[in-house]
Structure formats: C-alpha cells, structure tokens
Amino acid sequence: MKFAIYSRKSVYTGKGESVENQIELCKAYIAANYPDTAPHELVVYEDEGFSGKNLERPQFQSMLRDIDRHRPDCVVCYRLDRISRNVGDFAALIERFNAHGIAFVCIREKFDTTTPMGKAMMYIASVFAQLERETIAERVRDNMLMLAKLGRWLGGTTPTGYISEKQQEVILDGKIKTSCRLRPEPREIQIVSNMFAQFLALQSVRGVQQHLAVEGITSRTGGDYSLLGIKEILQNPVYCTADLDALAYFREKKADVCFDEGDCGAGRGLLSYNKRDYTKGHAPRNSIEKWIIAVGRHAGLVSGKDWVRVQHLLARRACPAAHANNDYSLLSGLIICSRCGKRMFAKPRSGQRADNAFDYICQSKLQFGTRKCDCQNLHGQTADDLVAQRLRPYLHPDGALVPLLKQLQQALRTSPDAAADLRQRIAACQNETEHLVDVLARGDVSDALLTRVNERMQVLEADLARLHEEERRAQAAQNAAAAEDWRRRGTALASFGESFNLFSVQEKRDFIRLLVEKCEWDGETLHIYVYSED
C-alpha cells in the first residue's frame, strides 16, 4: 500500500506536537497496522507555520496534486485539526478522497473512513474543531469591543494630531490596571484644526490641499498631504466632540452608539471601532451602521455640529482624482515634468471638450498651482501627433517592433517572482496573529498584557491588508494571460502598417506604452524615450 503522511503546526516551537513528532507517530501507526509497508511507499508532507483555518498551505496543496496524479491508498495524519478546522473545507476534502477511493486515517482520534461509524465520528469531530476556532475568535472580538465601549484606545496607527500614552489606575485589592488613551500632539492638532476650518470655508478638499502646500505644511512623512489623506482626517470621528449633534447623527446612521445624552457636554472626543472588515481581503471599509461609536478619554477638537456639516459637504462633493485613462488623450500619465518630476495628465480646455482641445498639465501644478510648479502646459493634440509620428516606422513589417517584442517576452519570462516573497510575509503575519489569539485564549491574561496584545493585533491587521493589496498587484503584474495579450496585440499591430489611424484611442495608447518607456517635458521640448534605444 502507498501512504501519504501530512503534518502541520501553526507556530514553530520545537516541542510538543511538532511536525517531526507527528510524522514519527504516523510512521509508527503504519508500521504497527501495515507491517509490510516499505519506506519508499511513504510520502511525507510538512507545513510548518501555517494555520488550519483554510487549505492555502504549500505542502498541503502539493499533496492534493499528488493525490490526483498518483492516488495513494491512504492519507494519514496525527490529529484531525492538522488537516482543517473548517467544516466546509473538511467535508469537501473527504468527498474528494472518497471519489478517488482513498482512505483517511486520524491516529489520535482513531477515525477511519473505511467504516461508516468512523466517517460519521470524523464529521462530528470536525464540527467541534471549527467551533473551537470560532469560539476563540469570538472571545478576541468581545474583548476588543468591551475595551472600545469603555473608551480605551486600542492601538494601531495613531490618528494625526494625537499620540498614544499609557495610563495606570489602581482598582480593587491594590491591583494596577494599564490602558491607553490619546493625547493631543500640539503641532499636528493645530494642522488638523486648520484643515477643518479651511474645508468649512472653502468647501473643497483640493482647496485644503493647496492651502497646506502654500503654507509649507507637510504630513508626518514629510510629504504633501494627499487628497485621500485629508478626506480620511475630515471623516474620522476621533476629532468630533461627543455632543447632542454627534449623537443624533450616528443614531440616524444606525451605528452602534455606546453613549447617551447624559455623556454629552464634557468636551470629550469620540472613538470608532469596527470601521473596517479585516476578515476580507484588503480590509474594505464597513458601512456606518456597523461602526461602534464610544466616548473616548481624549478631548474633542471639532463640535458635533461642525463635524456633521463636514460629513454632509463631503457626501455632496466627491473629490475627483487625476486619472491616466480617458477617451481622448494618448499620453496622460506617461509624460514626466522635468521641473518637479511629477507625471502630467490630460485636462480638457474649459468649454472646448467637444472639440477634443486639451493640454497636459503637471500633477503638482494641477493640485497646488504655479507656486509648486510653473512648468508651461503642453498642447495635448500636438504632443500626441509628435509621438505617433515618432513611432510610425515601427509599424512597417521590416521595422524594429518584432525584436522589441522578443525582448519583452524574455523580460517577462525572467522577471522575479515578487509574489512569493509577499506570500512569505503574509504567512509570517498570520502566524503571529494566531500566536496572539492563543495568548488571548488563556484564562489568566492580565489587562496590561491584553492591551499590548490588542495593540499588536491592530498593527498586524493593517499590515495584512497592505500585504494582500501588494500581493494582488504583484500577481496582476505577472499574470501570464495579460502578458500574452500584450504580445498578441503588439504582433498584430506590426502587421497593420498605415492602418494605425483606424485604431481606437485605447488601442493606440496600449501600442504606445508597449514601445515608449517615458516622455519628458521641460516646458519647451518634448523628449521621447523608446525602449532599447540609446
């Protein structure tokens, strides 16, 4: 008989139920029950540092592929939850084994799917494995919700204008309880106050951005405030004073409001919890009715009346961002301003959009005005015509397009797999999160430790959301189908010759980006840089 042995452990410790111990116990079980099994009939799969909440584990996936190809007689594991803690995943896995006629043995629980009773007991045990995982996760959520409703700052990225500080207080029996609260940072809190005042006066996020740039006010990183960053600040309830106007607003939005009229009037700010759904990729923002709003221990900055007015103005005036794609220009986002290094985007001339009259304008100038960059605008149609004329020789069958395509194909084949590194970093974050969950699952956790664990989990959740987004982008950049589409489109264009003028704007734009690395505009001359040219 041929056996596949699977072992898994979430966190490396080198003791207890290590993957090595699991494998040795499985081998001993096989030797005792199937004494004629030769060593070469055993294939071992080890996943160290991976959770059992899903099946996305490298060695586990390798085992599934080998099962489809080589069809072992039996899969053996030490304990049921080493395979999966999810009932749905486990049920589908057993059905897959059954379809291939593969037995499944779990030596700890002594389950054997070759018998009806063993199969039934295994399903029951898998239900309890998932229940254990969900109970731990529910306890973590309950702890965080309790702290949020008490007005404690739970950690994570501190809002602009505040710093997080620890405070201690003595409770019963002389025990000391440690918690965190927000304390205003004088320089930043003045900037935030300025943002709210300017927005109420200008009623424009872009106007606030330009005002900050002119005044030389920068963010924590030393760069200019982005439109999205300013909007995030203006929408954050942490700056709103807990008063009757704020209470009425969040009740109207059906948020989980954890204060009433008696808590208003003390001048304290609000804390919001559950603003994002960290169980989903990229941590999307939850709707307001899922938010938990509590009175914090910090001083509010903006009255509820003004904060609510800001929210209504933001809802009516969505802030447009500059986009490289449109239906009339070929080079938007591809041209670099030589004066400041920012990209240039197409902008229709006022009242002349119907005639396709537009200019390329530097992003700095577009956002902050001529005080930030005074580079002269570039006539859009003239620039497009110059680039099209420059690339026309590549459209002939004997042009240089085909060699360039071959170089592109080689570059695509030899590009490093950035997604692999991201997956390792994601796994590390997930492993640390699981370890912290195990810490919280113990019954002897102090308030001080609980606070520190919660702070770290907030950071890990934010890191996971960012890494998942980077992984998505890396995978998209290396998508073989997309690469093949680029090669096919470029090869087809090479045979069209003078029919270039018949292509759509998007087709022309794709062709240009296939050949042109970048363009630079210094206010007088447009420099065009074609790939593989000196």
Protein backbone atom coordinates (compact mmCIF):
# COMPACT_ATOMS: atom_id res chain seq x y z
CA MET A 1 0.00 0.00 0.00
CA LYS A 2 1.03 3.61 -0.63
CA PHE A 3 0.61 6.15 2.18
CA ALA A 4 0.65 9.94 2.31
CA ILE A 5 1.51 11.41 5.74
CA TYR A 6 0.51 15.01 6.45
CA SER A 7 1.69 17.13 9.40
CA ARG A 8 1.10 20.79 10.28
CA LYS A 9 1.83 23.26 13.05
CA SER A 10 0.87 26.95 13.15
CA VAL A 11 3.86 28.26 15.11
CA TYR A 12 7.33 26.77 15.31
CA THR A 13 8.28 25.81 18.87
CA GLY A 14 10.44 22.70 18.53
CA LYS A 15 8.47 20.86 21.21
CA GLY A 16 5.09 19.29 21.85
CA GLU A 17 3.18 18.30 18.73
CA SER A 18 5.94 19.36 16.35
CA VAL A 19 5.74 18.24 12.74
CA GLU A 20 8.60 15.82 13.40
CA ASN A 21 6.75 14.18 16.30
CA GLN A 22 3.56 13.96 14.26
CA ILE A 23 5.40 12.23 11.41
CA GLU A 24 7.10 9.71 13.69
CA LEU A 25 3.79 8.81 15.36
CA CYS A 26 2.14 8.34 11.94
CA LYS A 27 5.01 6.12 10.78
CA ALA A 28 4.73 4.06 13.96
CA TYR A 29 1.00 3.64 13.38
CA ILE A 30 1.55 2.46 9.81
CA ALA A 31 4.32 0.06 10.87
CA ALA A 32 2.06 -1.44 13.54
CA ASN A 33 -1.02 -1.85 11.35
CA TYR A 34 0.59 -2.39 7.95
CA PRO A 35 3.89 -4.17 8.70
CA ASP A 36 4.63 -4.97 5.08
CA THR A 37 4.80 -1.29 4.04
CA ALA A 38 8.19 -0.37 2.52
CA PRO A 39 9.82 3.03 3.29
CA HIS A 40 9.56 4.14 -0.35
CA GLU A 41 5.77 3.77 -0.14
CA LEU A 42 5.58 6.63 2.40
CA VAL A 43 5.39 10.24 1.15
CA VAL A 44 5.62 12.93 3.84
CA TYR A 45 4.19 16.46 3.57
CA GLU A 46 5.08 19.08 6.22
CA ASP A 47 3.60 22.56 6.68
CA GLU A 48 5.38 24.50 9.43
CA GLY A 49 3.92 27.88 10.33
CA PHE A 50 0.54 27.67 8.57
CA SER A 51 -2.96 27.98 10.03
CA GLY A 52 -5.63 25.33 9.68
CA LYS A 53 -8.39 27.86 9.04
CA ASN A 54 -8.15 27.26 5.28
CA LEU A 55 -6.41 24.95 2.82
CA GLU A 56 -3.96 27.51 1.39
CA ARG A 57 -0.81 25.72 2.56
CA PRO A 58 2.02 24.89 0.13
CA GLN A 59 2.71 21.29 1.16
CA PHE A 60 -0.99 20.54 1.59
CA GLN A 61 -1.69 21.77 -1.94
CA SER A 62 1.25 19.70 -3.18
CA MET A 63 -0.28 16.64 -1.50
CA LEU A 64 -3.62 17.27 -3.23
CA ARG A 65 -1.91 17.49 -6.62
CA ASP A 66 -0.01 14.27 -5.95
CA ILE A 67 -3.22 12.56 -4.83
CA ASP A 68 -4.86 13.39 -8.17
CA ARG A 69 -1.85 12.02 -10.07
CA HIS A 70 -0.56 9.08 -8.02
CA ARG A 71 -3.61 8.03 -5.99
CA PRO A 72 -2.19 6.73 -2.68
CA ASP A 73 -4.23 4.15 -0.83
CA CYS A 74 -4.46 6.13 2.39
CA VAL A 75 -3.79 9.58 3.88
CA VAL A 76 -2.65 9.53 7.49
CA CYS A 77 -2.44 12.43 9.95
CA TYR A 78 -1.82 12.70 13.68
CA ARG A 79 -4.89 14.75 14.64
CA LEU A 80 -7.99 15.88 12.79
CA ASP A 81 -7.42 19.64 13.10
CA ARG A 82 -3.98 19.21 11.48
CA ILE A 83 -5.88 18.78 8.22
CA SER A 84 -8.52 21.52 8.63
CA ARG A 85 -10.55 23.42 11.21
CA ASN A 86 -13.21 24.40 8.70
CA VAL A 87 -16.18 22.06 8.35
CA GLY A 88 -16.90 23.05 4.76
CA ASP A 89 -13.30 22.51 3.67
CA PHE A 90 -13.09 19.21 5.53
CA ALA A 91 -16.32 17.84 4.07
CA ALA A 92 -15.22 18.67 0.52
CA LEU A 93 -11.83 17.08 1.19
CA ILE A 94 -13.36 13.81 2.40
CA GLU A 95 -15.61 13.72 -0.68
CA ARG A 96 -12.51 14.17 -2.83
CA PHE A 97 -10.79 11.28 -1.07
CA ASN A 98 -13.87 9.10 -1.49
CA ALA A 99 -14.09 9.90 -5.20
CA HIS A 100 -10.54 8.55 -5.64
CA GLY A 101 -11.10 5.58 -3.33
CA ILE A 102 -8.55 6.92 -0.81
CA ALA A 103 -8.92 6.09 2.88
CA PHE A 104 -8.29 8.69 5.57
CA VAL A 105 -6.92 7.80 8.99
CA CYS A 106 -6.53 10.07 12.01
CA ILE A 107 -4.49 8.23 14.65
CA ARG A 108 -5.21 10.49 17.65
CA GLU A 109 -9.00 10.30 17.38
CA LYS A 110 -8.79 6.77 15.88
CA PHE A 111 -11.03 7.62 12.95
CA ASP A 112 -11.02 5.51 9.83
CA THR A 113 -13.18 6.49 6.83
CA THR A 114 -13.23 2.90 5.60
CA THR A 115 -16.04 2.30 8.17
CA PRO A 116 -19.41 4.14 8.29
CA MET A 117 -19.07 4.82 12.03
CA GLY A 118 -15.58 6.21 11.59
CA LYS A 119 -16.77 8.55 8.84
CA ALA A 120 -19.68 9.82 10.96
CA MET A 121 -17.48 10.40 14.01
CA MET A 122 -14.96 12.27 11.91
CA TYR A 123 -17.59 14.73 10.68
CA ILE A 124 -18.72 15.31 14.26
CA ALA A 125 -15.14 15.94 15.41
CA SER A 126 -14.57 18.42 12.57
CA VAL A 127 -17.62 20.38 13.75
CA PHE A 128 -16.07 20.74 17.20
CA ALA A 129 -12.70 21.71 15.69
CA GLN A 130 -14.35 24.60 13.86
CA LEU A 131 -16.39 25.50 16.94
CA GLU A 132 -13.17 25.79 18.96
CA ARG A 133 -11.63 28.14 16.41
CA GLU A 134 -14.74 30.31 16.14
CA THR A 135 -15.09 30.48 19.94
CA ILE A 136 -11.53 31.76 20.30
CA ALA A 137 -12.09 34.33 17.54
CA GLU A 138 -15.37 35.41 19.18
CA ARG A 139 -13.62 35.91 22.51
CA VAL A 140 -11.00 38.10 20.88
CA ARG A 141 -13.71 40.23 19.25
CA ASP A 142 -15.63 40.50 22.54
CA ASN A 143 -12.52 41.67 24.38
CA MET A 144 -11.86 44.35 21.79
CA LEU A 145 -15.50 45.50 21.79
CA MET A 146 -15.51 45.74 25.58
CA LEU A 147 -12.40 47.91 25.60
CA ALA A 148 -13.77 50.07 22.80
CA LYS A 149 -17.03 50.68 24.65
CA LEU A 150 -15.03 51.75 27.71
CA GLY A 151 -13.43 54.49 25.65
CA ARG A 152 -9.95 52.98 25.58
CA TRP A 153 -7.64 53.49 22.64
CA LEU A 154 -6.97 50.00 21.25
CA GLY A 155 -3.77 50.74 19.39
CA GLY A 156 -2.84 50.73 15.74
CA THR A 157 -1.89 53.78 13.71
CA THR A 158 -2.44 56.81 15.91
CA PRO A 159 -4.65 59.46 14.27
CA THR A 160 -2.96 62.64 13.04
CA GLY A 161 -2.98 65.15 15.89
CA TYR A 162 -2.63 62.64 18.72
CA ILE A 163 -0.11 60.35 20.36
CA SER A 164 -0.91 57.22 22.32
CA GLU A 165 0.07 57.19 26.00
CA LYS A 166 -0.31 54.56 28.69
CA GLN A 167 -2.06 55.29 31.95
CA GLN A 168 -2.40 53.24 35.12
CA GLU A 169 -5.05 53.19 37.79
CA VAL A 170 -5.45 51.22 41.00
CA ILE A 171 -8.53 49.01 41.26
CA LEU A 172 -9.69 46.55 43.94
CA ASP A 173 -7.12 44.74 46.12
CA GLY A 174 -4.36 47.12 45.03
CA LYS A 175 -4.21 45.73 41.50
CA ILE A 176 -2.97 48.13 38.83
CA LYS A 177 -4.79 48.31 35.52
CA THR A 178 -2.98 49.66 32.45
CA SER A 179 -4.76 51.15 29.45
CA CYS A 180 -4.07 53.57 26.61
CA ARG A 181 -5.58 56.90 25.68
CA LEU A 182 -4.97 59.58 23.09
CA ARG A 183 -3.17 62.78 24.00
CA PRO A 184 -3.05 65.80 21.64
CA GLU A 185 0.24 66.49 19.85
CA PRO A 186 0.40 70.31 19.66
CA ARG A 187 1.83 70.74 16.15
CA GLU A 188 -0.35 68.12 14.46
CA ILE A 189 -3.56 69.01 16.28
CA GLN A 190 -3.18 72.58 15.02
CA ILE A 191 -2.82 71.27 11.45
CA VAL A 192 -5.98 69.19 11.79
CA SER A 193 -7.87 72.15 13.23
CA ASN A 194 -6.66 74.20 10.27
CA MET A 195 -7.93 71.52 7.86
CA PHE A 196 -11.44 71.60 9.30
CA ALA A 197 -11.54 75.41 9.31
CA GLN A 198 -10.32 75.65 5.72
CA PHE A 199 -12.72 72.99 4.48
CA LEU A 200 -15.70 74.71 6.08
CA ALA A 201 -14.58 77.97 4.45
CA LEU A 202 -13.62 76.60 1.01
CA GLN A 203 -15.88 73.52 0.90
CA SER A 204 -13.23 71.79 -1.21
CA VAL A 205 -10.72 69.07 -0.28
CA ARG A 206 -8.46 70.20 -3.11
CA GLY A 207 -8.66 73.74 -1.78
CA VAL A 208 -7.49 72.48 1.63
CA GLN A 209 -4.64 70.60 -0.05
CA GLN A 210 -3.48 73.69 -1.95
CA HIS A 211 -3.69 75.83 1.19
CA LEU A 212 -1.49 73.38 3.12
CA ALA A 213 1.03 73.24 0.26
CA VAL A 214 1.27 77.03 0.00
CA GLU A 215 1.80 77.28 3.76
CA GLY A 216 4.51 74.60 3.60
CA ILE A 217 2.59 72.26 5.92
CA THR A 218 3.62 68.63 5.48
CA SER A 219 2.49 65.27 6.82
CA ARG A 220 4.28 63.01 9.29
CA THR A 221 6.33 61.53 6.43
CA GLY A 222 7.50 64.97 5.30
CA GLY A 223 5.48 64.94 2.07
CA ASP A 224 2.42 66.89 0.96
CA TYR A 225 -0.95 65.77 2.25
CA SER A 226 -2.82 63.74 -0.37
CA LEU A 227 -6.48 64.28 -1.19
CA LEU A 228 -7.31 60.86 0.25
CA GLY A 229 -5.33 61.56 3.42
CA ILE A 230 -7.13 64.86 4.00
CA LYS A 231 -10.51 63.27 3.39
CA GLU A 232 -9.72 60.43 5.83
CA ILE A 233 -8.92 63.01 8.52
CA LEU A 234 -12.09 65.00 7.86
CA GLN A 235 -14.18 61.82 8.10
CA ASN A 236 -12.60 60.45 11.29
CA PRO A 237 -14.96 60.67 14.31
CA VAL A 238 -11.96 60.87 16.66
CA TYR A 239 -11.95 64.68 16.19
CA CYS A 240 -15.68 65.05 16.84
CA THR A 241 -16.85 66.19 20.28
CA ALA A 242 -19.40 63.92 21.97
CA ASP A 243 -22.41 66.22 21.99
CA LEU A 244 -26.09 66.10 21.05
CA ASP A 245 -25.44 66.83 17.35
CA ALA A 246 -22.96 63.94 17.09
CA LEU A 247 -25.32 61.64 18.99
CA ALA A 248 -28.22 62.44 16.66
CA TYR A 249 -26.03 61.95 13.55
CA PHE A 250 -24.78 58.47 14.47
CA ARG A 251 -28.20 57.37 15.70
CA GLU A 252 -29.65 58.46 12.38
CA LYS A 253 -26.95 56.44 10.59
CA LYS A 254 -27.91 53.43 12.80
CA ALA A 255 -24.40 52.99 14.19
CA ASP A 256 -23.91 51.09 17.48
CA VAL A 257 -23.79 54.16 19.73
CA CYS A 258 -22.42 53.42 23.20
CA PHE A 259 -23.29 56.73 24.87
CA ASP A 260 -26.41 58.78 25.52
CA GLU A 261 -27.46 62.34 26.37
CA GLY A 262 -26.01 62.09 29.86
CA ASP A 263 -22.50 61.57 28.44
CA CYS A 264 -22.63 64.70 26.29
CA GLY A 265 -21.26 68.09 27.22
CA ALA A 266 -17.93 67.09 28.81
CA GLY A 267 -15.96 68.04 25.69
CA ARG A 268 -14.52 64.57 25.12
CA GLY A 269 -13.94 63.18 21.64
CA LEU A 270 -15.29 60.02 20.06
CA LEU A 271 -13.69 56.68 19.31
CA SER A 272 -14.89 54.48 16.47
CA TYR A 273 -14.43 50.74 16.20
CA ASN A 274 -15.15 48.12 13.52
CA LYS A 275 -14.70 50.66 10.73
CA ARG A 276 -13.06 48.03 8.51
CA ASP A 277 -13.72 44.37 7.86
CA TYR A 278 -10.36 42.67 8.41
CA THR A 279 -11.80 39.23 7.64
CA LYS A 280 -11.85 40.14 3.94
CA GLY A 281 -9.01 40.87 1.58
CA HIS A 282 -7.82 44.49 1.50
CA ALA A 283 -9.90 45.24 4.66
CA PRO A 284 -12.76 47.18 2.99
CA ARG A 285 -14.49 49.94 4.96
CA ASN A 286 -17.70 48.86 6.71
CA SER A 287 -20.86 50.90 6.35
CA ILE A 288 -21.56 53.26 9.27
CA GLU A 289 -24.34 51.08 10.70
CA LYS A 290 -21.64 48.51 11.58
CA TRP A 291 -19.47 51.04 13.42
CA ILE A 292 -19.25 51.16 17.21
CA ILE A 293 -19.12 54.73 18.48
CA ALA A 294 -17.98 55.38 22.06
CA VAL A 295 -16.88 58.38 24.08
CA GLY A 296 -13.09 58.43 24.34
CA ARG A 297 -10.84 59.76 27.06
CA HIS A 298 -9.32 62.46 24.87
CA ALA A 299 -10.52 66.00 24.24
CA GLY A 300 -12.61 66.59 21.12
CA LEU A 301 -11.40 69.06 18.51
CA VAL A 302 -14.46 69.95 16.43
CA SER A 303 -18.01 70.47 17.64
CA GLY A 304 -20.54 67.87 16.61
CA LYS A 305 -22.40 70.49 14.60
CA ASP A 306 -19.35 71.41 12.51
CA TRP A 307 -18.20 67.78 12.14
CA VAL A 308 -21.64 66.70 10.89
CA ARG A 309 -21.69 69.64 8.47
CA VAL A 310 -18.33 68.49 7.10
CA GLN A 311 -19.72 64.99 6.51
CA HIS A 312 -22.70 66.36 4.58
CA LEU A 313 -20.43 68.54 2.44
CA LEU A 314 -18.11 65.60 1.69
CA ALA A 315 -21.07 63.46 0.69
CA ARG A 316 -22.17 66.10 -1.84
CA ARG A 317 -18.69 66.92 -3.15
CA ALA A 318 -16.77 63.78 -4.01
CA CYS A 319 -13.12 64.61 -4.59
CA PRO A 320 -12.06 63.72 -8.17
CA ALA A 321 -8.60 62.21 -8.58
CA ALA A 322 -6.36 62.56 -11.61
CA HIS A 323 -6.61 59.53 -13.89
CA ALA A 324 -4.31 58.44 -16.67
CA ASN A 325 -7.14 56.86 -18.67
CA ASN A 326 -9.69 58.84 -20.65
CA ASP A 327 -11.27 58.67 -24.08
CA TYR A 328 -9.31 61.41 -25.86
CA SER A 329 -5.59 61.52 -24.93
CA LEU A 330 -2.77 59.07 -25.70
CA LEU A 331 -0.04 60.14 -23.26
CA SER A 332 -1.81 61.00 -20.00
CA GLY A 333 0.35 59.72 -17.13
CA LEU A 334 3.22 58.79 -19.47
CA ILE A 335 4.80 62.27 -19.64
CA ILE A 336 7.12 63.38 -16.81
CA CYS A 337 7.55 67.03 -15.88
CA SER A 338 11.30 67.78 -15.90
CA ARG A 339 10.84 70.68 -13.48
CA CYS A 340 9.44 68.71 -10.50
CA GLY A 341 9.49 65.05 -11.55
CA LYS A 342 5.72 64.57 -11.32
CA ARG A 343 3.58 63.00 -14.02
CA MET A 344 1.49 65.08 -16.39
CA PHE A 345 -2.17 64.40 -17.01
CA ALA A 346 -4.59 65.45 -19.71
CA LYS A 347 -7.12 68.12 -18.84
CA PRO A 348 -9.79 69.39 -21.30
CA ARG A 349 -9.76 73.08 -22.00
CA SER A 350 -12.67 74.90 -20.45
CA GLY A 351 -15.72 74.88 -22.73
CA GLN A 352 -13.87 73.08 -25.55
CA ARG A 353 -14.27 69.42 -24.59
CA ALA A 354 -16.46 68.73 -27.62
CA ASP A 355 -13.56 69.73 -29.92
CA ASN A 356 -11.09 67.47 -28.04
CA ALA A 357 -8.99 70.52 -27.13
CA PHE A 358 -6.86 69.63 -24.12
CA ASP A 359 -3.47 70.17 -22.50
CA TYR A 360 -1.09 68.04 -20.47
CA ILE A 361 -0.60 69.62 -17.04
CA CYS A 362 1.92 68.72 -14.34
CA GLN A 363 0.31 67.00 -11.35
CA SER A 364 1.94 69.39 -8.88
CA LYS A 365 0.65 72.38 -10.81
CA LEU A 366 -2.77 70.77 -11.15
CA GLN A 367 -3.05 70.19 -7.40
CA PHE A 368 -1.14 73.08 -5.85
CA GLY A 369 -0.93 75.76 -8.52
CA THR A 370 2.06 77.57 -10.06
CA ARG A 371 3.70 78.17 -6.66
CA LYS A 372 4.52 74.47 -6.58
CA CYS A 373 5.49 74.07 -10.27
CA ASP A 374 5.41 76.72 -13.00
CA CYS A 375 6.13 74.40 -15.94
CA GLN A 376 4.29 75.52 -19.06
CA ASN A 377 1.38 73.34 -20.15
CA LEU A 378 1.89 71.07 -23.16
CA HIS A 379 -0.60 71.23 -26.04
CA GLY A 380 -2.26 67.82 -25.98
CA GLN A 381 -3.00 67.10 -29.63
CA THR A 382 0.41 68.36 -30.75
CA ALA A 383 2.17 66.04 -28.28
CA ASP A 384 0.07 63.04 -29.35
CA ASP A 385 0.81 63.71 -33.03
CA LEU A 386 4.56 64.01 -32.36
CA VAL A 387 4.72 60.68 -30.55
CA ALA A 388 2.60 58.91 -33.18
CA GLN A 389 4.89 60.26 -35.90
CA ARG A 390 7.97 59.17 -33.94
CA LEU A 391 6.66 55.59 -33.69
CA ARG A 392 5.35 55.28 -37.25
CA PRO A 393 8.49 53.47 -38.55
CA TYR A 394 7.83 50.66 -36.09
CA LEU A 395 4.55 49.88 -37.83
CA HIS A 396 6.21 48.63 -41.01
CA PRO A 397 6.71 44.86 -41.34
CA ASP A 398 10.52 45.31 -41.53
CA GLY A 399 10.58 47.73 -38.56
CA ALA A 400 12.05 47.16 -35.13
CA LEU A 401 8.83 46.12 -33.41
CA VAL A 402 9.27 42.34 -33.59
CA PRO A 403 12.77 42.35 -31.96
CA LEU A 404 11.42 44.59 -29.22
CA LEU A 405 8.58 42.16 -28.62
CA LYS A 406 11.05 39.30 -28.25
CA GLN A 407 12.98 41.30 -25.67
CA LEU A 408 9.75 41.97 -23.82
CA GLN A 409 8.88 38.27 -23.81
CA GLN A 410 12.31 37.41 -22.39
CA ALA A 411 11.94 40.06 -19.69
CA LEU A 412 8.55 38.64 -18.75
CA ARG A 413 9.96 35.12 -18.51
CA THR A 414 12.90 36.13 -16.34
CA SER A 415 11.17 38.62 -14.04
CA PRO A 416 11.50 37.68 -10.33
CA ASP A 417 8.51 36.28 -8.50
CA ALA A 418 7.78 39.14 -6.13
CA ALA A 419 4.53 37.45 -5.09
CA ALA A 420 6.48 34.59 -3.43
CA ASP A 421 8.18 37.00 -1.02
CA LEU A 422 4.84 38.66 -0.27
CA ARG A 423 3.25 35.29 0.50
CA GLN A 424 6.01 34.54 3.00
CA ARG A 425 5.47 37.91 4.70
CA ILE A 426 1.70 37.33 4.78
CA ALA A 427 2.24 33.89 6.32
CA ALA A 428 4.51 35.43 8.97
CA CYS A 429 1.82 37.99 9.90
CA GLN A 430 -0.84 35.27 10.03
CA ASN A 431 1.36 33.07 12.20
CA GLU A 432 1.99 35.88 14.67
CA THR A 433 -1.75 36.68 14.74
CA GLU A 434 -2.56 33.05 15.54
CA HIS A 435 0.02 33.06 18.31
CA LEU A 436 -1.59 36.17 19.82
CA VAL A 437 -5.01 34.52 19.56
CA ASP A 438 -3.62 31.57 21.53
CA VAL A 439 -2.38 34.02 24.18
CA LEU A 440 -5.82 35.62 24.46
CA ALA A 441 -7.46 32.20 24.67
CA ARG A 442 -5.80 31.59 28.03
CA GLY A 443 -7.86 32.46 31.06
CA ASP A 444 -5.08 34.15 33.04
CA VAL A 445 -4.42 37.14 30.78
CA SER A 446 -3.85 40.42 32.63
CA ASP A 447 -5.32 43.72 31.46
CA ALA A 448 -1.83 45.04 30.67
CA LEU A 449 -0.97 42.03 28.51
CA LEU A 450 -4.40 42.13 26.88
CA THR A 451 -3.87 45.76 25.91
CA ARG A 452 -0.44 45.06 24.42
CA VAL A 453 -1.74 42.04 22.50
CA ASN A 454 -4.66 44.03 21.14
CA GLU A 455 -2.34 46.85 20.06
CA ARG A 456 -0.11 44.40 18.21
CA MET A 457 -3.09 42.70 16.55
CA GLN A 458 -4.31 46.05 15.22
CA VAL A 459 -0.89 46.62 13.63
CA LEU A 460 -0.83 43.10 12.19
CA GLU A 461 -4.32 43.51 10.72
CA ALA A 462 -3.26 46.71 8.97
CA ASP A 463 -0.06 45.03 7.71
CA LEU A 464 -2.05 42.08 6.37
CA ALA A 465 -4.43 44.35 4.49
CA ARG A 466 -1.48 46.18 2.91
CA LEU A 467 0.38 42.98 2.02
CA HIS A 468 -2.73 41.42 0.45
CA GLU A 469 -3.08 44.52 -1.72
CA GLU A 470 0.61 44.33 -2.74
CA GLU A 471 0.17 40.63 -3.48
CA ARG A 472 -2.80 41.35 -5.71
CA ARG A 473 -0.81 43.94 -7.64
CA ALA A 474 2.23 41.67 -7.98
CA GLN A 475 0.12 38.81 -9.26
CA ALA A 476 -1.64 41.10 -11.71
CA ALA A 477 1.72 42.37 -12.99
CA GLN A 478 2.88 38.81 -13.60
CA ASN A 479 -0.37 37.49 -14.99
CA ALA A 480 0.51 35.27 -17.90
CA ALA A 481 -2.75 35.91 -19.69
CA ALA A 482 -2.19 39.66 -19.58
CA ALA A 483 1.36 39.23 -20.85
CA GLU A 484 0.13 37.07 -23.71
CA ASP A 485 -2.48 39.68 -24.59
CA TRP A 486 0.24 42.35 -24.78
CA ARG A 487 2.37 40.20 -27.05
CA ARG A 488 -0.59 39.30 -29.26
CA ARG A 489 -1.73 42.92 -29.55
CA GLY A 490 1.76 44.15 -30.40
CA THR A 491 2.34 41.43 -33.01
CA ALA A 492 -0.99 42.22 -34.62
CA LEU A 493 -0.20 45.95 -34.69
CA ALA A 494 3.05 45.23 -36.52
CA SER A 495 1.09 43.90 -39.49
CA PHE A 496 -1.36 46.77 -39.71
CA GLY A 497 1.05 49.39 -41.06
CA GLU A 498 -0.67 52.59 -42.04
CA SER A 499 -3.99 51.47 -40.53
CA PHE A 500 -2.81 52.81 -37.14
CA ASN A 501 -5.15 55.79 -37.54
CA LEU A 502 -8.12 53.40 -37.58
CA PHE A 503 -7.41 52.08 -34.08
CA SER A 504 -9.36 53.20 -31.04
CA VAL A 505 -7.80 55.56 -28.50
CA GLN A 506 -7.25 52.66 -26.08
CA GLU A 507 -5.56 50.53 -28.78
CA LYS A 508 -3.26 53.40 -29.72
CA ARG A 509 -2.48 54.01 -26.05
CA ASP A 510 -1.61 50.33 -25.50
CA PHE A 511 0.67 50.35 -28.54
CA ILE A 512 2.49 53.49 -27.40
CA ARG A 513 3.08 52.08 -23.91
CA LEU A 514 4.47 48.93 -25.47
CA LEU A 515 7.27 50.91 -27.12
CA VAL A 516 7.70 54.13 -25.15
CA GLU A 517 9.38 53.97 -21.76
CA LYS A 518 8.55 57.60 -20.90
CA CYS A 519 8.32 61.13 -22.24
CA GLU A 520 9.77 64.23 -20.57
CA TRP A 521 8.60 67.82 -20.99
CA ASP A 522 10.84 70.67 -19.83
CA GLY A 523 8.50 73.48 -20.83
CA GLU A 524 9.99 73.82 -24.32
CA THR A 525 10.94 70.41 -25.71
CA LEU A 526 9.23 67.01 -25.54
CA HIS A 527 11.78 64.19 -25.17
CA ILE A 528 10.59 60.70 -26.20
CA TYR A 529 12.41 57.64 -24.80
CA VAL A 530 11.80 54.41 -26.73
CA TYR A 531 12.71 51.06 -25.18
CA SER A 532 16.10 49.61 -26.19
CA GLU A 533 17.25 52.79 -27.90
CA ASP A 534 20.43 54.62 -26.90
